[in-house]
């Protein structure tokens, strides 16, 4: 069942001294996000991701089109209580500490939240040790984490996150990915924007790709990227040098690394021939890995084929 629904959503900004120039940030966008799913909004810088999320939470008014969240408009006070929103670059009052910020956020929602609950959330996002530190001393990654704590403190049904992994190191990104999966298991609906395609590939039930304000693709990762194997990687050893020329003739590439060799071939027939040759020449096969196109590879190929400017 759709918990977020937007129809023909368009946002036009006016720029220039006389406000005569039109900039179409989002163009005729329709989305249906189901309850309990993780939906990724992907695209290059300037694609309209942030503007879309701001319209979903009611921070930007659409030029045309409609948004419904739980069958109500985003400005409805009861709806807003069920949304946790993390902006791309959160800005908080510098002379609050982490605990105070999360506590004040809960008060703004009009909900009484216990000290124990705040401590649990700070622990969840890895900020319990920095709870007494002033926000002016937080790093970009720490601000992301404390902002996520503010999203979660009132236990909302819907999380809308703009670049939630931005500014985090690899360990921090993994921790936030794990947290997002944990929140999905708890029944949360999560929509997030990202330009880190590998994160989206690991997390999302469905994705929508925005280019220049328009949705150009939508579906599951397998629906968009496909499950087809496009090449095979074989790692082997103990084949005498004299026989490698025959293997190389069938391969797309042959790379030597230490005492092992890696061969890459593009179709099933050549793969079987190479495996047979390695065995016939007395070689040892260490691994056989089918390669499928990643979301990142698909995205860059798609951009190139459609001639979209970055």
Protein backbone atom coordinates (compact mmCIF):
# COMPACT_ATOMS: atom_id res chain seq x y z
CA UNK A 1 0.00 0.00 0.00
CA UNK A 2 1.34 3.45 -0.96
CA UNK A 3 2.20 5.61 2.04
CA UNK A 4 3.69 8.42 -0.08
CA UNK A 5 2.11 9.43 -3.37
CA UNK A 6 2.96 12.39 -5.56
CA UNK A 7 1.38 13.11 -8.91
CA UNK A 8 2.67 15.34 -11.73
CA UNK A 9 4.91 17.21 -9.30
CA UNK A 10 6.60 20.25 -10.85
CA UNK A 11 8.77 22.93 -9.26
CA UNK A 12 9.86 26.00 -11.21
CA UNK A 13 12.19 28.59 -9.72
CA UNK A 14 12.63 32.06 -11.16
CA UNK A 15 16.07 33.64 -11.29
CA UNK A 16 17.72 36.78 -12.56
CA UNK A 17 17.27 40.41 -11.52
CA UNK A 18 13.68 40.64 -12.83
CA UNK A 19 12.89 36.99 -12.02
CA UNK A 20 12.15 36.37 -15.69
CA UNK A 21 14.33 33.30 -16.18
CA UNK A 22 12.65 29.96 -15.41
CA UNK A 23 14.59 27.09 -13.90
CA UNK A 24 12.70 23.79 -13.90
CA UNK A 25 14.02 21.88 -10.87
CA UNK A 26 11.44 19.06 -11.00
CA UNK A 27 9.29 18.29 -14.02
CA UNK A 28 6.04 16.32 -13.93
CA UNK A 29 7.25 13.77 -11.37
CA UNK A 30 4.97 10.99 -10.13
CA UNK A 31 6.00 8.58 -7.36
CA UNK A 32 4.33 5.90 -5.28
CA UNK A 33 6.33 4.69 -2.28
CA UNK A 34 4.98 1.66 -0.47
CA UNK A 35 4.75 1.28 3.28
CA UNK A 36 7.79 -0.44 4.75
CA UNK A 37 10.08 -0.14 1.72
CA UNK A 38 13.40 1.60 1.17
CA UNK A 39 13.21 3.83 -1.89
CA UNK A 40 16.31 5.47 -3.34
CA UNK A 41 16.16 8.70 -5.32
CA UNK A 42 19.30 8.78 -7.45
CA UNK A 43 20.85 11.15 -9.91
CA UNK A 44 23.74 13.58 -10.51
CA UNK A 45 24.05 16.96 -8.85
CA UNK A 46 21.26 19.28 -9.97
CA UNK A 47 18.91 16.41 -10.87
CA UNK A 48 16.15 17.66 -8.53
CA UNK A 49 16.55 15.16 -5.69
CA UNK A 50 16.72 17.68 -2.85
CA UNK A 51 13.87 19.76 -4.26
CA UNK A 52 11.71 16.64 -4.50
CA UNK A 53 12.36 15.68 -0.88
CA UNK A 54 11.63 19.23 0.29
CA UNK A 55 8.27 19.12 -1.48
CA UNK A 56 7.49 15.76 0.14
CA UNK A 57 7.98 17.20 3.62
CA UNK A 58 6.28 20.52 2.86
CA UNK A 59 9.41 22.73 2.97
CA UNK A 60 8.93 23.73 -0.67
CA UNK A 61 5.59 24.30 -2.37
CA UNK A 62 5.16 22.67 -5.78
CA UNK A 63 4.43 24.93 -8.73
CA UNK A 64 1.93 22.30 -9.79
CA UNK A 65 1.01 18.75 -8.85
CA UNK A 66 0.04 17.17 -5.55
CA UNK A 67 1.68 15.27 -2.69
CA UNK A 68 -0.12 12.92 -0.31
CA UNK A 69 1.47 11.29 2.72
CA UNK A 70 -0.74 8.76 4.47
CA UNK A 71 -3.55 10.12 2.24
CA UNK A 72 -3.14 13.65 3.66
CA UNK A 73 -1.20 16.73 2.62
CA UNK A 74 2.34 17.20 4.03
CA UNK A 75 1.29 20.35 5.92
CA UNK A 76 -1.16 18.35 8.06
CA UNK A 77 0.09 18.48 11.67
CA UNK A 78 -0.61 14.80 12.30
CA UNK A 79 1.34 13.82 9.19
CA UNK A 80 4.33 15.94 10.20
CA UNK A 81 4.55 14.11 13.52
CA UNK A 82 5.10 10.88 11.61
CA UNK A 83 7.99 12.17 9.47
CA UNK A 84 11.67 12.32 10.40
CA UNK A 85 13.59 14.55 7.97
CA UNK A 86 17.36 14.87 7.58
CA UNK A 87 18.47 17.66 5.21
CA UNK A 88 21.58 17.33 3.07
CA UNK A 89 23.57 19.85 5.09
CA UNK A 90 21.94 20.12 8.50
CA UNK A 91 22.61 23.36 10.38
CA UNK A 92 22.05 23.50 14.10
CA UNK A 93 22.60 26.10 16.80
CA UNK A 94 26.29 25.76 17.64
CA UNK A 95 26.05 26.27 21.41
CA UNK A 96 23.79 23.31 22.09
CA UNK A 97 25.30 19.95 22.88
CA UNK A 98 24.14 16.72 21.25
CA UNK A 99 21.79 15.69 24.04
CA UNK A 100 20.15 19.13 24.20
CA UNK A 101 19.53 19.20 20.46
CA UNK A 102 17.81 15.81 20.42
CA UNK A 103 15.74 16.74 23.50
CA UNK A 104 14.63 20.08 21.98
CA UNK A 105 13.71 18.33 18.74
CA UNK A 106 11.39 15.99 20.62
CA UNK A 107 9.78 18.99 22.33
CA UNK A 108 9.16 20.67 18.96
CA UNK A 109 7.17 17.60 17.91
CA UNK A 110 5.06 18.03 21.04
CA UNK A 111 6.02 14.63 22.39
CA UNK A 112 7.36 13.87 25.84
CA UNK A 113 10.44 11.73 25.38
CA UNK A 114 12.29 10.16 28.29
CA UNK A 115 15.99 10.64 28.98
CA UNK A 116 16.41 6.90 28.56
CA UNK A 117 14.93 7.06 25.05
CA UNK A 118 17.28 9.90 24.06
CA UNK A 119 20.27 7.93 25.35
CA UNK A 120 19.14 4.87 23.38
CA UNK A 121 18.91 6.89 20.16
CA UNK A 122 22.31 8.52 20.74
CA UNK A 123 23.77 5.04 21.28
CA UNK A 124 22.04 3.79 18.14
CA UNK A 125 23.66 6.44 15.91
CA UNK A 126 27.04 6.22 17.63
CA UNK A 127 26.91 9.62 19.34
CA UNK A 128 26.57 8.73 23.02
CA UNK A 129 30.18 9.66 23.78
CA UNK A 130 29.76 13.07 22.12
CA UNK A 131 26.43 13.91 23.79
CA UNK A 132 27.96 16.66 25.97
CA UNK A 133 30.07 18.24 23.22
CA UNK A 134 28.99 21.56 21.68
CA UNK A 135 27.75 21.20 18.11
CA UNK A 136 30.26 23.80 16.90
CA UNK A 137 32.96 21.19 17.56
CA UNK A 138 31.22 18.42 15.58
CA UNK A 139 32.61 17.21 12.28
CA UNK A 140 30.42 16.93 9.17
CA UNK A 141 29.92 13.23 9.82
CA UNK A 142 28.99 13.85 13.46
CA UNK A 143 26.40 16.44 12.38
CA UNK A 144 24.91 13.81 10.04
CA UNK A 145 24.66 11.35 12.91
CA UNK A 146 23.13 13.78 15.40
CA UNK A 147 20.68 14.90 12.70
CA UNK A 148 19.68 11.28 12.22
CA UNK A 149 19.16 10.99 15.99
CA UNK A 150 16.77 13.96 15.79
CA UNK A 151 14.86 12.15 13.02
CA UNK A 152 14.46 9.02 15.12
CA UNK A 153 13.79 10.32 18.62
CA UNK A 154 10.00 10.50 18.24
CA UNK A 155 9.80 7.10 16.50
CA UNK A 156 8.24 8.32 13.21
CA UNK A 157 6.73 6.00 10.61
CA UNK A 158 8.49 7.69 7.68
CA UNK A 159 12.13 8.75 7.31
CA UNK A 160 13.07 11.16 4.52
CA UNK A 161 16.85 11.46 4.31
CA UNK A 162 18.81 13.71 1.94
CA UNK A 163 22.28 12.21 1.36
CA UNK A 164 22.38 10.42 4.75
CA UNK A 165 25.83 8.94 4.07
CA UNK A 166 27.35 12.27 3.04
CA UNK A 167 30.47 13.25 4.95
CA UNK A 168 30.93 9.82 6.54
CA UNK A 169 34.03 7.66 6.31
CA UNK A 170 33.68 4.03 5.06
CA UNK A 171 33.09 2.68 8.58
CA UNK A 172 30.49 5.36 9.29
CA UNK A 173 28.72 4.64 6.00
CA UNK A 174 28.52 0.95 6.83
CA UNK A 175 27.11 1.74 10.28
CA UNK A 176 24.42 4.00 8.78
CA UNK A 177 23.59 1.36 6.14
CA UNK A 178 23.20 -1.23 8.89
CA UNK A 179 20.99 1.19 10.83
CA UNK A 180 18.77 1.83 7.79
CA UNK A 181 18.30 -1.93 7.33
CA UNK A 182 17.48 -2.26 11.03
CA UNK A 183 14.89 0.53 10.74
CA UNK A 184 13.29 -1.17 7.73
CA UNK A 185 12.99 -4.38 9.78
CA UNK A 186 11.22 -2.28 12.45
CA UNK A 187 8.60 -1.32 9.82
CA UNK A 188 9.82 2.16 8.86
CA UNK A 189 9.30 3.55 5.37
CA UNK A 190 12.52 5.16 4.18
CA UNK A 191 13.15 7.38 1.18
CA UNK A 192 16.62 8.75 0.68
CA UNK A 193 18.59 10.53 -1.99
CA UNK A 194 22.15 9.61 -2.83
CA UNK A 195 24.86 9.90 -5.43
CA UNK A 196 26.71 6.97 -3.83
CA UNK A 197 25.29 4.28 -6.08
CA UNK A 198 26.87 1.31 -4.30
CA UNK A 199 25.02 2.25 -1.09
CA UNK A 200 21.71 2.45 -2.94
CA UNK A 201 22.37 -0.92 -4.60
CA UNK A 202 22.85 -2.58 -1.20
CA UNK A 203 19.88 -0.93 0.51
CA UNK A 204 17.00 -0.16 -1.81
CA UNK A 205 13.90 -2.19 -2.59
CA UNK A 206 13.31 0.18 -5.51
CA UNK A 207 15.06 3.18 -7.02
CA UNK A 208 14.06 6.13 -9.17
CA UNK A 209 16.66 7.87 -11.34
CA UNK A 210 16.22 11.62 -11.85
CA UNK A 211 17.96 13.50 -14.65
CA UNK A 212 17.37 17.24 -15.06
CA UNK A 213 14.24 17.08 -12.92
CA UNK A 214 12.62 14.17 -14.75
CA UNK A 215 12.25 10.55 -13.70
CA UNK A 216 13.91 8.52 -16.43
CA UNK A 217 13.97 5.08 -14.77
CA UNK A 218 12.22 3.36 -11.86
CA UNK A 219 12.11 -0.17 -10.52
CA UNK A 220 14.03 -2.75 -8.53
CA UNK A 221 17.79 -3.02 -9.03
CA UNK A 222 17.38 -6.28 -10.98
CA UNK A 223 14.65 -4.76 -13.18
CA UNK A 224 16.86 -1.81 -14.07
CA UNK A 225 20.32 -3.36 -14.21
CA UNK A 226 19.31 -6.91 -15.17
CA UNK A 227 20.60 -10.26 -13.95
CA UNK A 228 22.50 -11.17 -17.11
CA UNK A 229 26.14 -12.24 -16.71
CA UNK A 230 28.26 -10.18 -19.10
CA UNK A 231 31.67 -11.72 -18.39
CA UNK A 232 33.45 -14.36 -16.28
CA UNK A 233 36.55 -14.00 -14.12
CA UNK A 234 38.73 -17.09 -13.65
CA UNK A 235 41.71 -17.14 -11.28
CA UNK A 236 44.14 -20.02 -11.75
CA UNK A 237 47.77 -21.09 -11.33
CA UNK A 238 50.34 -23.78 -12.20
CA UNK A 239 49.86 -23.55 -15.99
CA UNK A 240 53.25 -23.57 -17.78
CA UNK A 241 54.12 -20.33 -19.58
CA UNK A 242 54.25 -22.06 -22.96
CA UNK A 243 50.50 -22.82 -22.83
CA UNK A 244 49.30 -19.33 -21.82
CA UNK A 245 49.17 -18.07 -25.42
CA UNK A 246 46.39 -20.53 -26.24
CA UNK A 247 44.38 -19.42 -23.17
CA UNK A 248 44.98 -15.74 -23.97
CA UNK A 249 43.62 -16.28 -27.51
CA UNK A 250 40.18 -17.06 -26.01
CA UNK A 251 40.24 -14.38 -23.33
CA UNK A 252 39.31 -10.74 -23.22
CA UNK A 253 42.21 -10.16 -20.83
CA UNK A 254 44.92 -12.12 -19.02
CA UNK A 255 46.58 -10.59 -15.96
CA UNK A 256 49.40 -12.01 -13.88
CA UNK A 257 49.62 -11.27 -10.15
CA UNK A 258 52.32 -13.09 -8.18
CA UNK A 259 51.98 -16.81 -8.73
CA UNK A 260 48.35 -16.55 -9.92
CA UNK A 261 46.73 -15.48 -13.16
CA UNK A 262 43.35 -13.92 -13.80
CA UNK A 263 41.59 -14.39 -17.09
CA UNK A 264 38.41 -12.56 -18.16
CA UNK A 265 36.18 -13.94 -20.89
CA UNK A 266 32.94 -12.64 -22.34
CA UNK A 267 30.76 -15.64 -23.10
CA UNK A 268 29.82 -19.07 -21.78
CA UNK A 269 31.43 -21.05 -24.61
CA UNK A 270 34.85 -19.41 -24.18
CA UNK A 271 34.61 -19.84 -20.40
CA UNK A 272 34.13 -23.60 -20.81
CA UNK A 273 37.00 -23.83 -23.30
CA UNK A 274 39.36 -21.94 -20.99
CA UNK A 275 38.42 -24.08 -17.98
CA UNK A 276 39.04 -27.19 -20.05
CA UNK A 277 42.45 -25.93 -21.22
CA UNK A 278 43.54 -25.05 -17.67
CA UNK A 279 42.69 -28.55 -16.50
CA UNK A 280 44.32 -30.19 -19.54
CA UNK A 281 47.52 -28.20 -18.96
CA UNK A 282 47.67 -29.33 -15.32
CA UNK A 283 46.56 -26.01 -13.85
CA UNK A 284 44.73 -25.35 -10.60
CA UNK A 285 41.49 -23.28 -10.64
CA UNK A 286 41.11 -21.05 -7.55
CA UNK A 287 37.87 -19.23 -8.36
CA UNK A 288 35.24 -18.71 -11.04
CA UNK A 289 33.21 -15.53 -10.64
CA UNK A 290 30.34 -14.49 -12.94
CA UNK A 291 30.23 -10.71 -13.31
CA UNK A 292 26.94 -8.87 -13.51
CA UNK A 293 26.66 -5.18 -14.28
CA UNK A 294 26.58 -3.03 -11.12
CA UNK A 295 24.21 -0.11 -10.66
CA UNK A 296 27.18 2.23 -11.00
CA UNK A 297 28.25 0.67 -14.31
CA UNK A 298 24.67 0.78 -15.57
CA UNK A 299 24.26 4.42 -14.52
CA UNK A 300 27.38 5.66 -16.31
CA UNK A 301 26.57 3.65 -19.44
CA UNK A 302 23.02 5.02 -19.40
CA UNK A 303 24.26 8.60 -19.01
CA UNK A 304 26.71 8.15 -21.87
CA UNK A 305 24.20 6.52 -24.21
CA UNK A 306 21.56 9.19 -23.60
CA UNK A 307 24.21 11.93 -23.84
CA UNK A 308 23.18 13.53 -20.56
CA UNK A 309 25.58 16.23 -19.52
CA UNK A 310 26.92 15.85 -15.96
